Amino acid sequence: MKKSPNYFARDTDSGFPLEDLGSLGQLVIKRKYPVYLFLALCLNLVAAPAVFAANADSFTRFQAYALGLLGIATVSFSIYLFAVMFQPEKF
């Protein structure tokens, strides 16, 4: 049975092994949806303050972030639908 490495060890000899870092990179390449979700949330960090600045008296900060995320989801869904309409053989 393979012993799992201790990532919280104080000494420098048993740190994060480079083999695990390579396998983590392969996992990120295979699974793109978490990366897309992370980029959408980072884009929301840019969009939400703009929504909040436009309507600072009527919206709370939480509502501004929710509206920013809703706008990003709407734009990405419309791009997906246009791709499905013009390239249906891929889907």
Protein backbone atom coordinates (compact mmCIF):
# COMPACT_ATOMS: atom_id res chain seq x y z
CA MET A 1 0.00 0.00 0.00
CA LYS A 2 1.41 3.34 -1.05
CA LYS A 3 1.84 5.82 1.78
CA SER A 4 0.37 9.25 1.09
CA PRO A 5 2.76 12.19 1.53
CA ASN A 6 2.39 14.51 4.49
CA TYR A 7 1.89 17.97 3.00
CA PHE A 8 1.84 19.69 6.38
CA ALA A 9 5.22 18.46 7.58
CA ARG A 10 7.65 21.04 8.96
CA ASP A 11 10.83 19.63 7.46
CA THR A 12 11.81 20.35 3.86
CA ASP A 13 12.51 16.71 2.93
CA SER A 14 8.86 15.60 2.84
CA GLY A 15 7.35 18.53 0.95
CA PHE A 16 5.09 18.46 -2.09
CA PRO A 17 6.45 15.86 -4.54
CA LEU A 18 6.93 16.93 -8.14
CA GLU A 19 5.29 13.75 -9.45
CA ASP A 20 1.99 14.82 -7.87
CA LEU A 21 2.33 18.25 -9.46
CA GLY A 22 2.64 16.65 -12.91
CA SER A 23 -0.44 14.51 -12.38
CA LEU A 24 -2.34 17.57 -11.15
CA GLY A 25 -1.43 19.36 -14.38
CA GLN A 26 -2.73 16.42 -16.41
CA LEU A 27 -5.98 16.49 -14.45
CA VAL A 28 -6.46 20.20 -15.14
CA ILE A 29 -5.89 19.62 -18.87
CA LYS A 30 -8.51 16.84 -18.95
CA ARG A 31 -11.21 18.68 -17.00
CA LYS A 32 -11.90 22.11 -18.44
CA TYR A 33 -15.19 22.95 -16.68
CA PRO A 34 -13.65 23.90 -13.32
CA VAL A 35 -11.27 26.22 -15.16
CA TYR A 36 -14.19 27.80 -17.03
CA LEU A 37 -16.09 28.25 -13.77
CA PHE A 38 -13.06 29.88 -12.15
CA LEU A 39 -12.65 32.27 -15.07
CA ALA A 40 -16.36 33.18 -14.94
CA LEU A 41 -16.08 33.97 -11.24
CA CYS A 42 -13.00 36.10 -11.89
CA LEU A 43 -14.89 37.93 -14.62
CA ASN A 44 -17.66 38.52 -12.10
CA LEU A 45 -15.14 40.33 -9.91
CA VAL A 46 -14.84 42.86 -12.72
CA ALA A 47 -18.53 43.03 -13.70
CA ALA A 48 -20.09 43.29 -10.23
CA PRO A 49 -18.42 46.55 -9.14
CA ALA A 50 -19.54 48.13 -12.40
CA VAL A 51 -23.14 47.09 -11.69
CA PHE A 52 -22.81 48.31 -8.11
CA ALA A 53 -21.38 51.66 -9.22
CA ALA A 54 -24.21 52.19 -11.70
CA ASN A 55 -26.93 51.64 -9.06
CA ALA A 56 -25.29 52.16 -5.67
CA ASP A 57 -28.45 53.51 -3.98
CA SER A 58 -30.87 50.78 -5.09
CA PHE A 59 -28.75 47.57 -4.98
CA THR A 60 -26.82 45.93 -2.19
CA ARG A 61 -23.37 44.52 -2.88
CA PHE A 62 -24.73 40.96 -2.85
CA GLN A 63 -27.37 41.87 -5.44
CA ALA A 64 -24.73 43.49 -7.63
CA TYR A 65 -22.60 40.32 -7.59
CA ALA A 66 -25.67 38.18 -8.30
CA LEU A 67 -26.67 40.39 -11.24
CA GLY A 68 -23.12 40.32 -12.58
CA LEU A 69 -23.07 36.52 -12.43
CA LEU A 70 -26.51 36.37 -14.05
CA GLY A 71 -25.30 38.61 -16.88
CA ILE A 72 -22.21 36.46 -17.45
CA ALA A 73 -24.35 33.30 -17.49
CA THR A 74 -26.78 34.88 -19.96
CA VAL A 75 -24.03 35.96 -22.34
CA SER A 76 -22.28 32.56 -22.19
CA PHE A 77 -25.58 30.72 -22.73
CA SER A 78 -26.39 32.87 -25.77
CA ILE A 79 -22.93 32.20 -27.24
CA TYR A 80 -23.50 28.47 -26.72
CA LEU A 81 -26.91 28.64 -28.45
CA PHE A 82 -25.45 30.48 -31.44
CA ALA A 83 -22.75 27.82 -31.71
CA VAL A 84 -25.41 25.09 -31.61
CA MET A 85 -27.45 26.84 -34.31
CA PHE A 86 -24.58 27.32 -36.73
CA GLN A 87 -22.68 24.07 -36.05
CA PRO A 88 -25.32 21.48 -35.12
CA GLU A 89 -23.27 18.51 -36.37
CA LYS A 90 -20.81 18.97 -33.48
CA PHE A 91 -23.55 18.52 -30.93
